[in-house]
């Protein structure tokens, strides 16, 4: 994985998550995404631990129809939003690679 920019780098506005609950971002060749769960935000590298493909088939589509899990569009693996653990699918027990993020002044930034 390419090194990420320095902490404090703005990724997107919190409001960018309103439509789908998540947003994909390309940071110098490293694809990541941020996802909201209630008032919390979480960041992950956009790569399924099963075979390394991006999780979203359509831009910013990372969340299940029920809104409670991250889903891989390739094989249907399901991941908990709060820690990235795969709870169902071909990579059960594996984890998404976390990216530390936080909310600062209505923006999501690298922490």
PDB file of N, CA and C in Angstrom:
ATOM      1  N   UNK A   1       0.853  -1.186   0.000  1.00  0.00           N
ATOM      2  CA  UNK A   1       0.000   0.000   0.000  1.00  0.00           C
ATOM      3  C   UNK A   1       0.889   1.235   0.000  1.00  0.00           C
ATOM      4  N   UNK A   2       0.535   2.196  -0.814  1.00  0.00           N
ATOM      5  CA  UNK A   2       1.238   3.462  -0.870  1.00  0.00           C
ATOM      6  C   UNK A   2       1.024   4.214   0.431  1.00  0.00           C
ATOM      7  N   UNK A   3       2.043   4.970   0.844  1.00  0.00           N
ATOM      8  CA  UNK A   3       1.881   5.785   2.044  1.00  0.00           C
ATOM      9  C   UNK A   3       0.780   6.804   1.829  1.00  0.00           C
ATOM     10  N   UNK A   4      -0.005   6.994   2.861  1.00  0.00           N
ATOM     11  CA  UNK A   4      -1.095   7.963   2.801  1.00  0.00           C
ATOM     12  C   UNK A   4      -0.551   9.356   3.086  1.00  0.00           C
ATOM     13  N   UNK A   5      -1.275  10.390   2.647  1.00  0.00           N
ATOM     14  CA  UNK A   5      -0.880  11.761   2.981  1.00  0.00           C
ATOM     15  C   UNK A   5      -0.861  11.969   4.497  1.00  0.00           C
ATOM     16  N   UNK A   6      -0.365  13.098   4.895  1.00  0.00           N
ATOM     17  CA  UNK A   6      -0.206  13.387   6.326  1.00  0.00           C
ATOM     18  C   UNK A   6      -1.550  13.541   7.032  1.00  0.00           C
ATOM     19  N   UNK A   7      -1.562  13.270   8.343  1.00  0.00           N
ATOM     20  CA  UNK A   7      -2.781  13.479   9.132  1.00  0.00           C
ATOM     21  C   UNK A   7      -3.289  14.906   8.948  1.00  0.00           C
ATOM     22  N   UNK A   8      -4.593  15.041   8.965  1.00  0.00           N
ATOM     23  CA  UNK A   8      -5.223  16.344   8.763  1.00  0.00           C
ATOM     24  C   UNK A   8      -5.630  16.583   7.322  1.00  0.00           C
ATOM     25  N   UNK A   9      -5.191  15.717   6.406  1.00  0.00           N
ATOM     26  CA  UNK A   9      -5.584  15.841   5.006  1.00  0.00           C
ATOM     27  C   UNK A   9      -7.097  15.646   4.899  1.00  0.00           C
ATOM     28  N   UNK A  10      -7.762  16.602   4.269  1.00  0.00           N
ATOM     29  CA  UNK A  10      -9.213  16.529   4.106  1.00  0.00           C
ATOM     30  C   UNK A  10      -9.545  15.487   3.040  1.00  0.00           C
ATOM     31  N   UNK A  11     -10.441  14.573   3.388  1.00  0.00           N
ATOM     32  CA  UNK A  11     -10.882  13.530   2.462  1.00  0.00           C
ATOM     33  C   UNK A  11     -12.185  13.905   1.770  1.00  0.00           C
ATOM     34  N   UNK A  12     -13.135  14.407   2.540  1.00  0.00           N
ATOM     35  CA  UNK A  12     -14.426  14.816   1.999  1.00  0.00           C
ATOM     36  C   UNK A  12     -15.218  15.510   3.102  1.00  0.00           C
ATOM     37  N   UNK A  13     -16.335  16.090   2.723  1.00  0.00           N
ATOM     38  CA  UNK A  13     -17.246  16.673   3.705  1.00  0.00           C
ATOM     39  C   UNK A  13     -18.098  15.556   4.299  1.00  0.00           C
ATOM     40  N   UNK A  14     -18.487  15.687   5.539  1.00  0.00           N
ATOM     41  CA  UNK A  14     -19.381  14.711   6.160  1.00  0.00           C
ATOM     42  C   UNK A  14     -20.653  14.576   5.327  1.00  0.00           C
ATOM     43  N   UNK A  15     -21.134  15.680   4.789  1.00  0.00           N
ATOM     44  CA  UNK A  15     -22.361  15.647   3.986  1.00  0.00           C
ATOM     45  C   UNK A  15     -22.213  14.819   2.707  1.00  0.00           C
ATOM     46  N   UNK A  16     -20.987  14.553   2.256  1.00  0.00           N
ATOM     47  CA  UNK A  16     -20.773  13.708   1.073  1.00  0.00           C
ATOM     48  C   UNK A  16     -21.233  12.278   1.309  1.00  0.00           C
ATOM     49  N   UNK A  17     -21.423  11.892   2.578  1.00  0.00           N
ATOM     50  CA  UNK A  17     -21.860  10.542   2.909  1.00  0.00           C
ATOM     51  C   UNK A  17     -23.378  10.425   2.990  1.00  0.00           C
ATOM     52  N   UNK A  18     -24.088  11.529   2.821  1.00  0.00           N
ATOM     53  CA  UNK A  18     -25.538  11.530   3.019  1.00  0.00           C
ATOM     54  C   UNK A  18     -26.292  10.603   2.074  1.00  0.00           C
ATOM     55  N   UNK A  19     -25.893  10.515   0.835  1.00  0.00           N
ATOM     56  CA  UNK A  19     -26.656   9.749  -0.151  1.00  0.00           C
ATOM     57  C   UNK A  19     -26.489   8.248   0.043  1.00  0.00           C
ATOM     58  N   UNK A  20     -25.242   7.764   0.120  1.00  0.00           N
ATOM     59  CA  UNK A  20     -25.001   6.321   0.174  1.00  0.00           C
ATOM     60  C   UNK A  20     -24.453   5.838   1.517  1.00  0.00           C
ATOM     61  N   UNK A  21     -24.055   6.752   2.385  1.00  0.00           N
ATOM     62  CA  UNK A  21     -23.461   6.360   3.665  1.00  0.00           C
ATOM     63  C   UNK A  21     -21.976   6.119   3.582  1.00  0.00           C
ATOM     64  N   UNK A  22     -21.409   6.202   2.371  1.00  0.00           N
ATOM     65  CA  UNK A  22     -19.986   5.955   2.182  1.00  0.00           C
ATOM     66  C   UNK A  22     -19.478   6.747   0.986  1.00  0.00           C
ATOM     67  N   UNK A  23     -18.147   6.907   0.924  1.00  0.00           N
ATOM     68  CA  UNK A  23     -17.537   7.611  -0.205  1.00  0.00           C
ATOM     69  C   UNK A  23     -16.170   7.019  -0.473  1.00  0.00           C
ATOM     70  N   UNK A  24     -15.936   6.672  -1.744  1.00  0.00           N
ATOM     71  CA  UNK A  24     -14.627   6.208  -2.166  1.00  0.00           C
ATOM     72  C   UNK A  24     -13.730   7.389  -2.503  1.00  0.00           C
ATOM     73  N   UNK A  25     -12.441   7.248  -2.195  1.00  0.00           N
ATOM     74  CA  UNK A  25     -11.482   8.332  -2.401  1.00  0.00           C
ATOM     75  C   UNK A  25     -10.187   7.719  -2.907  1.00  0.00           C
ATOM     76  N   UNK A  26      -9.565   8.353  -3.902  1.00  0.00           N
ATOM     77  CA  UNK A  26      -8.273   7.913  -4.395  1.00  0.00           C
ATOM     78  C   UNK A  26      -7.216   8.865  -3.855  1.00  0.00           C
ATOM     79  N   UNK A  27      -6.279   8.324  -3.100  1.00  0.00           N
ATOM     80  CA  UNK A  27      -5.214   9.138  -2.516  1.00  0.00           C
ATOM     81  C   UNK A  27      -3.874   8.714  -3.104  1.00  0.00           C
ATOM     82  N   UNK A  28      -3.515   9.325  -4.205  1.00  0.00           N
ATOM     83  CA  UNK A  28      -2.223   9.034  -4.805  1.00  0.00           C
ATOM     84  C   UNK A  28      -2.021   7.573  -5.151  1.00  0.00           C
ATOM     85  N   UNK A  29      -3.029   6.948  -5.713  1.00  0.00           N
ATOM     86  CA  UNK A  29      -2.920   5.558  -6.109  1.00  0.00           C
ATOM     87  C   UNK A  29      -3.450   4.574  -5.093  1.00  0.00           C
ATOM     88  N   UNK A  30      -3.744   5.036  -3.892  1.00  0.00           N
ATOM     89  CA  UNK A  30      -4.327   4.171  -2.875  1.00  0.00           C
ATOM     90  C   UNK A  30      -5.818   4.470  -2.784  1.00  0.00           C
ATOM     91  N   UNK A  31      -6.636   3.472  -3.071  1.00  0.00           N
ATOM     92  CA  UNK A  31      -8.080   3.637  -2.949  1.00  0.00           C
ATOM     93  C   UNK A  31      -8.513   3.354  -1.525  1.00  0.00           C
ATOM     94  N   UNK A  32      -9.214   4.291  -0.941  1.00  0.00           N
ATOM     95  CA  UNK A  32      -9.784   4.095   0.388  1.00  0.00           C
ATOM     96  C   UNK A  32     -11.262   4.464   0.313  1.00  0.00           C
ATOM     97  N   UNK A  33     -11.980   4.192   1.388  1.00  0.00           N
ATOM     98  CA  UNK A  33     -13.343   4.688   1.489  1.00  0.00           C
ATOM     99  C   UNK A  33     -13.634   5.008   2.937  1.00  0.00           C
ATOM    100  N   UNK A  34     -14.552   5.939   3.116  1.00  0.00           N
ATOM    101  CA  UNK A  34     -15.017   6.296   4.451  1.00  0.00           C
ATOM    102  C   UNK A  34     -16.490   5.956   4.521  1.00  0.00           C
ATOM    103  N   UNK A  35     -16.907   5.540   5.699  1.00  0.00           N
ATOM    104  CA  UNK A  35     -18.280   5.087   5.897  1.00  0.00           C
ATOM    105  C   UNK A  35     -18.779   5.621   7.229  1.00  0.00           C
ATOM    106  N   UNK A  36     -20.053   5.935   7.273  1.00  0.00           N
ATOM    107  CA  UNK A  36     -20.638   6.471   8.500  1.00  0.00           C
ATOM    108  C   UNK A  36     -21.537   5.424   9.135  1.00  0.00           C
ATOM    109  N   UNK A  37     -21.504   5.402  10.445  1.00  0.00           N
ATOM    110  CA  UNK A  37     -22.432   4.597  11.237  1.00  0.00           C
ATOM    111  C   UNK A  37     -22.872   5.478  12.395  1.00  0.00           C
ATOM    112  N   UNK A  38     -24.089   5.998  12.313  1.00  0.00           N
ATOM    113  CA  UNK A  38     -24.543   6.958  13.322  1.00  0.00           C
ATOM    114  C   UNK A  38     -23.695   8.210  13.245  1.00  0.00           C
ATOM    115  N   UNK A  39     -23.143   8.624  14.376  1.00  0.00           N
ATOM    116  CA  UNK A  39     -22.306   9.818  14.424  1.00  0.00           C
ATOM    117  C   UNK A  39     -20.832   9.501  14.186  1.00  0.00           C
ATOM    118  N   UNK A  40     -20.496   8.229  14.020  1.00  0.00           N
ATOM    119  CA  UNK A  40     -19.099   7.817  13.865  1.00  0.00           C
ATOM    120  C   UNK A  40     -18.748   7.635  12.387  1.00  0.00           C
ATOM    121  N   UNK A  41     -17.469   7.832  12.067  1.00  0.00           N
ATOM    122  CA  UNK A  41     -16.971   7.549  10.725  1.00  0.00           C
ATOM    123  C   UNK A  41     -15.792   6.592  10.835  1.00  0.00           C
ATOM    124  N   UNK A  42     -15.649   5.761   9.803  1.00  0.00           N
ATOM    125  CA  UNK A  42     -14.588   4.771   9.759  1.00  0.00           C
ATOM    126  C   UNK A  42     -13.973   4.804   8.366  1.00  0.00           C
ATOM    127  N   UNK A  43     -12.701   4.515   8.281  1.00  0.00           N
ATOM    128  CA  UNK A  43     -12.017   4.479   6.994  1.00  0.00           C
ATOM    129  C   UNK A  43     -11.350   3.137   6.774  1.00  0.00           C
ATOM    130  N   UNK A  44     -11.340   2.695   5.525  1.00  0.00           N
ATOM    131  CA  UNK A  44     -10.720   1.419   5.158  1.00  0.00           C
ATOM    132  C   UNK A  44     -10.089   1.522   3.777  1.00  0.00           C
ATOM    133  N   UNK A  45      -9.071   0.712   3.542  1.00  0.00           N
ATOM    134  CA  UNK A  45      -8.521   0.562   2.203  1.00  0.00           C
ATOM    135  C   UNK A  45      -9.575  -0.155   1.370  1.00  0.00           C
ATOM    136  N   UNK A  46      -9.776   0.316   0.157  1.00  0.00           N
ATOM    137  CA  UNK A  46     -10.806  -0.239  -0.728  1.00  0.00           C
ATOM    138  C   UNK A  46     -10.277  -1.487  -1.436  1.00  0.00           C
ATOM    139  N   UNK A  47     -10.135  -2.564  -0.670  1.00  0.00           N
ATOM    140  CA  UNK A  47      -9.618  -3.816  -1.204  1.00  0.00           C
ATOM    141  C   UNK A  47     -10.180  -4.974  -0.391  1.00  0.00           C
ATOM    142  N   UNK A  48     -10.878  -5.881  -1.048  1.00  0.00           N
ATOM    143  CA  UNK A  48     -11.422  -7.051  -0.365  1.00  0.00           C
ATOM    144  C   UNK A  48     -10.274  -7.982   0.025  1.00  0.00           C
ATOM    145  N   UNK A  49     -10.229  -8.453   1.260  1.00  0.00           N
ATOM    146  CA  UNK A  49      -9.147  -9.349   1.666  1.00  0.00           C
ATOM    147  C   UNK A  49      -9.176 -10.699   0.955  1.00  0.00           C
ATOM    148  N   UNK A  50     -10.273 -11.030   0.298  1.00  0.00           N
ATOM    149  CA  UNK A  50     -10.378 -12.312  -0.415  1.00  0.00           C
ATOM    150  C   UNK A  50      -9.454 -12.363  -1.626  1.00  0.00           C
ATOM    151  N   UNK A  51      -9.615 -11.402  -2.565  1.00  0.00           N
ATOM    152  CA  UNK A  51      -8.760 -11.409  -3.758  1.00  0.00           C
ATOM    153  C   UNK A  51      -8.232 -10.025  -4.131  1.00  0.00           C
ATOM    154  N   UNK A  52      -8.429  -9.039  -3.277  1.00  0.00           N
ATOM    155  CA  UNK A  52      -7.847  -7.727  -3.495  1.00  0.00           C
ATOM    156  C   UNK A  52      -8.590  -6.800  -4.433  1.00  0.00           C
ATOM    157  N   UNK A  53      -9.805  -7.171  -4.844  1.00  0.00           N
ATOM    158  CA  UNK A  53     -10.568  -6.290  -5.740  1.00  0.00           C
ATOM    159  C   UNK A  53     -11.205  -5.148  -4.938  1.00  0.00           C
ATOM    160  N   UNK A  54     -11.470  -4.015  -5.597  1.00  0.00           N
ATOM    161  CA  UNK A  54     -12.212  -2.950  -4.914  1.00  0.00           C
ATOM    162  C   UNK A  54     -13.584  -3.471  -4.491  1.00  0.00           C
ATOM    163  N   UNK A  55     -14.079  -2.965  -3.387  1.00  0.00           N
ATOM    164  CA  UNK A  55     -15.360  -3.428  -2.851  1.00  0.00           C
ATOM    165  C   UNK A  55     -16.557  -2.891  -3.622  1.00  0.00           C
ATOM    166  N   UNK A  56     -16.446  -1.699  -4.184  1.00  0.00           N
ATOM    167  CA  UNK A  56     -17.588  -1.063  -4.851  1.00  0.00           C
ATOM    168  C   UNK A  56     -17.571  -1.322  -6.350  1.00  0.00           C
ATOM    169  N   UNK A  57     -18.722  -1.733  -6.875  1.00  0.00           N
ATOM    170  CA  UNK A  57     -18.844  -1.884  -8.321  1.00  0.00           C
ATOM    171  C   UNK A  57     -19.298  -0.558  -8.933  1.00  0.00           C
ATOM    172  N   UNK A  58     -20.146   0.147  -8.229  1.00  0.00           N
ATOM    173  CA  UNK A  58     -20.605   1.475  -8.620  1.00  0.00           C
ATOM    174  C   UNK A  58     -19.971   2.477  -7.662  1.00  0.00           C
ATOM    175  N   UNK A  59     -19.669   3.690  -8.107  1.00  0.00           N
ATOM    176  CA  UNK A  59     -19.043   4.671  -7.226  1.00  0.00           C
ATOM    177  C   UNK A  59     -19.820   4.874  -5.916  1.00  0.00           C
ATOM    178  N   UNK A  60     -19.095   4.805  -4.819  1.00  0.00           N
ATOM    179  CA  UNK A  60     -19.609   5.086  -3.474  1.00  0.00           C
ATOM    180  C   UNK A  60     -20.643   4.079  -2.971  1.00  0.00           C
ATOM    181  N   UNK A  61     -20.794   2.942  -3.624  1.00  0.00           N
ATOM    182  CA  UNK A  61     -21.745   1.905  -3.201  1.00  0.00           C
ATOM    183  C   UNK A  61     -21.013   0.826  -2.404  1.00  0.00           C
ATOM    184  N   UNK A  62     -20.911   1.033  -1.099  1.00  0.00           N
ATOM    185  CA  UNK A  62     -20.195   0.118  -0.216  1.00  0.00           C
ATOM    186  C   UNK A  62     -21.101  -0.540   0.819  1.00  0.00           C
ATOM    187  N   UNK A  63     -22.294  -0.002   1.028  1.00  0.00           N
ATOM    188  CA  UNK A  63     -23.148  -0.406   2.138  1.00  0.00           C
ATOM    189  C   UNK A  63     -24.275  -1.315   1.649  1.00  0.00           C
ATOM    190  N   UNK A  64     -24.584  -2.338   2.454  1.00  0.00           N
ATOM    191  CA  UNK A  64     -25.671  -3.250   2.115  1.00  0.00           C
ATOM    192  C   UNK A  64     -26.993  -2.495   2.026  1.00  0.00           C
ATOM    193  N   UNK A  65     -27.965  -3.104   1.380  1.00  0.00           N
ATOM    194  CA  UNK A  65     -29.280  -2.471   1.241  1.00  0.00           C
ATOM    195  C   UNK A  65     -29.920  -2.173   2.590  1.00  0.00           C
ATOM    196  N   UNK A  66     -29.551  -2.935   3.612  1.00  0.00           N
ATOM    197  CA  UNK A  66     -30.098  -2.712   4.952  1.00  0.00           C
ATOM    198  C   UNK A  66     -29.339  -1.627   5.704  1.00  0.00           C
ATOM    199  N   UNK A  67     -28.203  -1.175   5.166  1.00  0.00           N
ATOM    200  CA  UNK A  67     -27.452  -0.074   5.751  1.00  0.00           C
ATOM    201  C   UNK A  67     -26.627  -0.427   6.964  1.00  0.00           C
ATOM    202  N   UNK A  68     -26.456  -1.713   7.238  1.00  0.00           N
ATOM    203  CA  UNK A  68     -25.769  -2.076   8.476  1.00  0.00           C
ATOM    204  C   UNK A  68     -24.449  -2.812   8.276  1.00  0.00           C
ATOM    205  N   UNK A  69     -24.052  -3.043   7.019  1.00  0.00           N
ATOM    206  CA  UNK A  69     -22.792  -3.731   6.752  1.00  0.00           C
ATOM    207  C   UNK A  69     -22.156  -3.199   5.474  1.00  0.00           C
ATOM    208  N   UNK A  70     -20.835  -3.307   5.410  1.00  0.00           N
ATOM    209  CA  UNK A  70     -20.098  -3.060   4.177  1.00  0.00           C
ATOM    210  C   UNK A  70     -20.198  -4.354   3.369  1.00  0.00           C
ATOM    211  N   UNK A  71     -20.346  -4.235   2.075  1.00  0.00           N
ATOM    212  CA  UNK A  71     -20.490  -5.433   1.256  1.00  0.00           C
ATOM    213  C   UNK A  71     -19.537  -5.373   0.065  1.00  0.00           C
ATOM    214  N   UNK A  72     -18.936  -6.505  -0.272  1.00  0.00           N
ATOM    215  CA  UNK A  72     -18.086  -6.609  -1.454  1.00  0.00           C
ATOM    216  C   UNK A  72     -18.976  -6.928  -2.644  1.00  0.00           C
ATOM    217  N   UNK A  73     -18.926  -6.091  -3.654  1.00  0.00           N
ATOM    218  CA  UNK A  73     -19.806  -6.275  -4.810  1.00  0.00           C
ATOM    219  C   UNK A  73     -19.387  -7.465  -5.670  1.00  0.00           C
ATOM    220  N   UNK A  74     -18.175  -7.961  -5.509  1.00  0.00           N
ATOM    221  CA  UNK A  74     -17.714  -9.075  -6.333  1.00  0.00           C
ATOM    222  C   UNK A  74     -18.230 -10.417  -5.829  1.00  0.00           C
ATOM    223  N   UNK A  75     -18.061 -10.702  -4.538  1.00  0.00           N
ATOM    224  CA  UNK A  75     -18.450 -12.003  -4.007  1.00  0.00           C
ATOM    225  C   UNK A  75     -19.495 -11.933  -2.903  1.00  0.00           C
ATOM    226  N   UNK A  76     -19.947 -10.740  -2.551  1.00  0.00           N
ATOM    227  CA  UNK A  76     -20.986 -10.613  -1.542  1.00  0.00           C
ATOM    228  C   UNK A  76     -20.512 -10.754  -0.119  1.00  0.00           C
ATOM    229  N   UNK A  77     -19.193 -10.744   0.113  1.00  0.00           N
ATOM    230  CA  UNK A  77     -18.697 -10.794   1.487  1.00  0.00           C
ATOM    231  C   UNK A  77     -19.242  -9.605   2.257  1.00  0.00           C
ATOM    232  N   UNK A  78     -19.565  -9.824   3.528  1.00  0.00           N
ATOM    233  CA  UNK A  78     -20.137  -8.763   4.370  1.00  0.00           C
ATOM    234  C   UNK A  78     -19.183  -8.466   5.519  1.00  0.00           C
ATOM    235  N   UNK A  79     -19.011  -7.179   5.804  1.00  0.00           N
ATOM    236  CA  UNK A  79     -18.073  -6.709   6.821  1.00  0.00           C
ATOM    237  C   UNK A  79     -18.779  -5.792   7.805  1.00  0.00           C
ATOM    238  N   UNK A  80     -18.415  -5.899   9.082  1.00  0.00           N
ATOM    239  CA  UNK A  80     -18.948  -4.960  10.073  1.00  0.00           C
ATOM    240  C   UNK A  80     -18.372  -3.581   9.803  1.00  0.00           C
ATOM    241  N   UNK A  81     -19.217  -2.575   9.913  1.00  0.00           N
ATOM    242  CA  UNK A  81     -18.784  -1.197   9.681  1.00  0.00           C
ATOM    243  C   UNK A  81     -17.786  -0.758  10.739  1.00  0.00           C
ATOM    244  N   UNK A  82     -18.023  -1.094  11.996  1.00  0.00           N
ATOM    245  CA  UNK A  82     -17.227  -0.535  13.092  1.00  0.00           C
ATOM    246  C   UNK A  82     -15.818  -1.106  13.219  1.00  0.00           C
ATOM    247  N   UNK A  83     -15.519  -2.269  12.626  1.00  0.00           N
ATOM    248  CA  UNK A  83     -14.150  -2.788  12.738  1.00  0.00           C
ATOM    249  C   UNK A  83     -13.649  -3.471  11.471  1.00  0.00           C
ATOM    250  N   UNK A  84     -14.474  -3.579  10.436  1.00  0.00           N
ATOM    251  CA  UNK A  84     -14.044  -4.141   9.168  1.00  0.00           C
ATOM    252  C   UNK A  84     -13.885  -5.648   9.140  1.00  0.00           C
ATOM    253  N   UNK A  85     -14.369  -6.355  10.158  1.00  0.00           N
ATOM    254  CA  UNK A  85     -14.245  -7.809  10.155  1.00  0.00           C
ATOM    255  C   UNK A  85     -15.270  -8.427   9.217  1.00  0.00           C
ATOM    256  N   UNK A  86     -14.812  -9.396   8.411  1.00  0.00           N
ATOM    257  CA  UNK A  86     -15.718 -10.110   7.516  1.00  0.00           C
ATOM    258  C   UNK A  86     -16.534 -11.095   8.340  1.00  0.00           C
ATOM    259  N   UNK A  87     -17.855 -10.953   8.273  1.00  0.00           N
ATOM    260  CA  UNK A  87     -18.754 -11.807   9.057  1.00  0.00           C
ATOM    261  C   UNK A  87     -19.464 -12.846   8.199  1.00  0.00           C
ATOM    262  N   UNK A  88     -19.335 -12.750   6.871  1.00  0.00           N
ATOM    263  CA  UNK A  88     -19.939 -13.741   5.984  1.00  0.00           C
ATOM    264  C   UNK A  88     -19.292 -13.627   4.612  1.00  0.00           C
ATOM    265  N   UNK A  89     -19.088 -14.776   3.985  1.00  0.00           N
ATOM    266  CA  UNK A  89     -18.517 -14.792   2.649  1.00  0.00           C
ATOM    267  C   UNK A  89     -17.197 -15.530   2.611  1.00  0.00           C
ATOM    268  N   UNK A  90     -16.505 -15.467   1.474  1.00  0.00           N
ATOM    269  CA  UNK A  90     -15.296 -16.265   1.282  1.00  0.00           C
ATOM    270  C   UNK A  90     -14.105 -15.849   2.147  1.00  0.00           C
ATOM    271  N   UNK A  91     -14.175 -14.713   2.792  1.00  0.00           N
ATOM    272  CA  UNK A  91     -13.052 -14.265   3.630  1.00  0.00           C
ATOM    273  C   UNK A  91     -13.472 -14.109   5.094  1.00  0.00           C
ATOM    274  N   UNK A  92     -14.459 -14.879   5.532  1.00  0.00           N
ATOM    275  CA  UNK A  92     -14.957 -14.797   6.913  1.00  0.00           C
ATOM    276  C   UNK A  92     -13.792 -14.850   7.895  1.00  0.00           C
ATOM    277  N   UNK A  93     -13.794 -13.889   8.814  1.00  0.00           N
ATOM    278  CA  UNK A  93     -12.752 -13.797   9.828  1.00  0.00           C
ATOM    279  C   UNK A  93     -11.606 -12.877   9.443  1.00  0.00           C
ATOM    280  N   UNK A  94     -11.448 -12.581   8.153  1.00  0.00           N
ATOM    281  CA  UNK A  94     -10.425 -11.627   7.720  1.00  0.00           C
ATOM    282  C   UNK A  94     -10.914 -10.208   8.005  1.00  0.00           C
ATOM    283  N   UNK A  95     -10.009  -9.251   7.876  1.00  0.00           N
ATOM    284  CA  UNK A  95     -10.331  -7.860   8.195  1.00  0.00           C
ATOM    285  C   UNK A  95     -10.003  -6.948   7.012  1.00  0.00           C
ATOM    286  N   UNK A  96     -10.810  -5.914   6.844  1.00  0.00           N
ATOM    287  CA  UNK A  96     -10.437  -4.817   5.965  1.00  0.00           C
ATOM    288  C   UNK A  96      -9.285  -4.065   6.624  1.00  0.00           C
ATOM    289  N   UNK A  97      -8.422  -3.459   5.821  1.00  0.00           N
ATOM    290  CA  UNK A  97      -7.309  -2.674   6.359  1.00  0.00           C
ATOM    291  C   UNK A  97      -7.833  -1.309   6.781  1.00  0.00           C
ATOM    292  N   UNK A  98      -7.716  -0.983   8.079  1.00  0.00           N
ATOM    293  CA  UNK A  98      -8.263   0.291   8.546  1.00  0.00           C
ATOM    294  C   UNK A  98      -7.410   1.492   8.125  1.00  0.00           C
ATOM    295  N   UNK A  99      -8.072   2.626   7.985  1.00  0.00           N
ATOM    296  CA  UNK A  99      -7.437   3.917   7.751  1.00  0.00           C
ATOM    297  C   UNK A  99      -8.003   4.849   8.814  1.00  0.00           C
ATOM    298  N   UNK A 100      -7.145   5.417   9.638  1.00  0.00           N
ATOM    299  CA  UNK A 100      -7.592   6.279  10.736  1.00  0.00           C
ATOM    300  C   UNK A 100      -8.155   7.595  10.191  1.00  0.00           C
ATOM    301  N   UNK A 101      -9.412   7.860  10.528  1.00  0.00           N
ATOM    302  CA  UNK A 101     -10.082   9.083  10.111  1.00  0.00           C
ATOM    303  C   UNK A 101     -10.817   9.686  11.302  1.00  0.00           C
ATOM    304  N   UNK A 102     -11.142  10.965  11.176  1.00  0.00           N
ATOM    305  CA  UNK A 102     -11.940  11.637  12.210  1.00  0.00           C
ATOM    306  C   UNK A 102     -12.707  12.778  11.559  1.00  0.00           C
ATOM    307  N   UNK A 103     -13.693  13.259  12.292  1.00  0.00           N
ATOM    308  CA  UNK A 103     -14.466  14.419  11.848  1.00  0.00           C
ATOM    309  C   UNK A 103     -13.854  15.666  12.471  1.00  0.00           C
ATOM    310  N   UNK A 104     -13.608  16.668  11.621  1.00  0.00           N
ATOM    311  CA  UNK A 104     -13.061  17.933  12.089  1.00  0.00           C
ATOM    312  C   UNK A 104     -13.719  19.042  11.278  1.00  0.00           C
ATOM    313  N   UNK A 105     -14.465  19.896  11.945  1.00  0.00           N
ATOM    314  CA  UNK A 105     -15.136  21.028  11.280  1.00  0.00           C
ATOM    315  C   UNK A 105     -15.988  20.575  10.092  1.00  0.00           C
ATOM    316  N   UNK A 106     -16.828  19.573  10.296  1.00  0.00           N
ATOM    317  CA  UNK A 106     -17.729  19.043   9.266  1.00  0.00           C
ATOM    318  C   UNK A 106     -17.004  18.434   8.062  1.00  0.00           C
ATOM    319  N   UNK A 107     -15.728  18.135   8.236  1.00  0.00           N
ATOM    320  CA  UNK A 107     -14.931  17.463   7.203  1.00  0.00           C
ATOM    321  C   UNK A 107     -14.424  16.142   7.772  1.00  0.00           C
ATOM    322  N   UNK A 108     -14.250  15.139   6.925  1.00  0.00           N
ATOM    323  CA  UNK A 108     -13.601  13.907   7.335  1.00  0.00           C
ATOM    324  C   UNK A 108     -12.136  14.038   6.914  1.00  0.00           C
ATOM    325  N   UNK A 109     -11.253  13.868   7.878  1.00  0.00           N
ATOM    326  CA  UNK A 109      -9.823  14.032   7.649  1.00  0.00           C
ATOM    327  C   UNK A 109      -9.068  12.790   8.108  1.00  0.00           C
ATOM    328  N   UNK A 110      -7.862  12.621   7.561  1.00  0.00           N
ATOM    329  CA  UNK A 110      -6.994  11.555   8.053  1.00  0.00           C
ATOM    330  C   UNK A 110      -6.586  11.889   9.482  1.00  0.00           C
ATOM    331  N   UNK A 111      -6.607  10.896  10.334  1.00  0.00           N
ATOM    332  CA  UNK A 111      -6.218  11.117  11.743  1.00  0.00           C
ATOM    333  C   UNK A 111      -4.763  10.708  11.960  1.00  0.00           C
TER     334      UNK A 111
END
